């Protein structure tokens, strides 16, 4: 079952009284549903992290950004989990 379907089920069960959760408990349940790893195109990664494609490749060359996985001779994709982990690490560095 996809993350959104599980979240919708939890919210609906709370609404009809099958379960009784506070909003905080609902948020925690929904946020802890495991996400599936998606393979992102470079344009999706660029959108997600907010830097240019050339900056992304410079960071990769310096070993400071996750490398893509090759899915065909002319196509690569990035793991969304790896990108999310990179974003979290960058946010932790700033703090």
Protein backbone atom coordinates (compact mmCIF):
# COMPACT_ATOMS: atom_id res chain seq x y z
CA UNK A 1 0.00 0.00 0.00
CA UNK A 2 1.37 3.42 -0.92
CA UNK A 3 2.20 5.97 1.77
CA UNK A 4 -0.69 8.26 0.82
CA UNK A 5 -3.20 5.38 0.87
CA UNK A 6 -2.04 4.35 4.34
CA UNK A 7 -2.26 7.95 5.54
CA UNK A 8 -5.78 8.29 4.14
CA UNK A 9 -6.82 5.05 5.86
CA UNK A 10 -5.47 6.24 9.23
CA UNK A 11 -7.26 9.60 8.93
CA UNK A 12 -10.55 7.94 7.85
CA UNK A 13 -10.37 5.39 10.70
CA UNK A 14 -9.93 8.29 13.13
CA UNK A 15 -12.89 10.19 11.62
CA UNK A 16 -15.34 7.27 11.87
CA UNK A 17 -14.28 6.43 15.40
CA UNK A 18 -12.53 3.11 14.72
CA UNK A 19 -9.52 4.70 16.38
CA UNK A 20 -9.21 7.88 18.37
CA UNK A 21 -5.99 9.82 17.81
CA UNK A 22 -5.01 13.36 18.68
CA UNK A 23 -3.80 15.46 15.74
CA UNK A 24 -0.25 15.12 17.05
CA UNK A 25 -0.56 11.31 17.11
CA UNK A 26 -2.02 11.33 13.58
CA UNK A 27 0.86 13.47 12.30
CA UNK A 28 3.40 11.18 13.95
CA UNK A 29 1.79 8.05 12.51
CA UNK A 30 1.62 9.51 9.02
CA UNK A 31 5.20 10.84 9.12
CA UNK A 32 6.54 7.45 10.21
CA UNK A 33 5.08 5.53 7.28
CA UNK A 34 8.08 4.32 5.27
CA UNK A 35 8.58 6.00 1.92
CA UNK A 36 9.44 4.02 -1.16
CA UNK A 37 12.66 4.98 -2.85
CA UNK A 38 12.08 6.65 -6.18
CA UNK A 39 14.54 7.09 -9.02
CA UNK A 40 14.72 10.80 -9.84
CA UNK A 41 15.76 12.44 -13.11
CA UNK A 42 18.34 15.23 -12.97
CA UNK A 43 15.60 17.83 -13.50
CA UNK A 44 13.67 16.45 -10.50
CA UNK A 45 16.81 16.49 -8.34
CA UNK A 46 17.60 20.04 -9.46
CA UNK A 47 14.07 21.14 -8.52
CA UNK A 48 14.24 19.39 -5.16
CA UNK A 49 17.59 20.84 -4.05
CA UNK A 50 17.39 24.23 -5.71
CA UNK A 51 20.79 24.37 -7.41
CA UNK A 52 21.78 24.30 -11.05
CA UNK A 53 22.62 21.12 -12.90
CA UNK A 54 26.22 22.24 -13.36
CA UNK A 55 26.56 22.95 -9.62
CA UNK A 56 25.15 19.50 -8.91
CA UNK A 57 27.77 17.88 -11.16
CA UNK A 58 30.57 19.99 -9.59
CA UNK A 59 29.53 18.73 -6.14
CA UNK A 60 29.50 15.15 -7.46
CA UNK A 61 33.00 15.56 -8.92
CA UNK A 62 34.18 16.81 -5.52
CA UNK A 63 32.57 13.80 -3.79
CA UNK A 64 30.09 16.02 -1.95
CA UNK A 65 26.90 14.87 -3.65
CA UNK A 66 25.35 11.41 -4.18
CA UNK A 67 26.32 9.74 -7.44
CA UNK A 68 23.54 8.63 -9.77
CA UNK A 69 22.83 5.06 -10.75
CA UNK A 70 23.07 4.18 -14.42
CA UNK A 71 19.80 2.68 -15.67
CA UNK A 72 20.75 2.46 -19.33
CA UNK A 73 23.59 3.41 -21.63
CA UNK A 74 22.44 7.03 -21.85
CA UNK A 75 20.32 7.48 -18.73
CA UNK A 76 20.99 7.94 -15.01
CA UNK A 77 18.75 8.42 -11.99
CA UNK A 78 19.33 9.46 -8.38
CA UNK A 79 17.93 7.69 -5.34
CA UNK A 80 15.40 9.97 -3.67
CA UNK A 81 16.42 8.58 -0.28
CA UNK A 82 20.07 9.47 -0.99
CA UNK A 83 19.06 12.99 -2.03
CA UNK A 84 16.87 13.39 1.08
CA UNK A 85 19.76 12.19 3.28
CA UNK A 86 22.09 14.70 1.58
CA UNK A 87 19.61 17.52 2.22
CA UNK A 88 19.28 16.53 5.90
CA UNK A 89 23.08 16.39 6.27
CA UNK A 90 23.41 19.86 4.72
CA UNK A 91 20.75 21.23 7.07
CA UNK A 92 22.58 19.70 10.05
CA UNK A 93 25.84 21.38 8.92
CA UNK A 94 24.16 24.79 8.89
CA UNK A 95 22.88 24.49 12.45
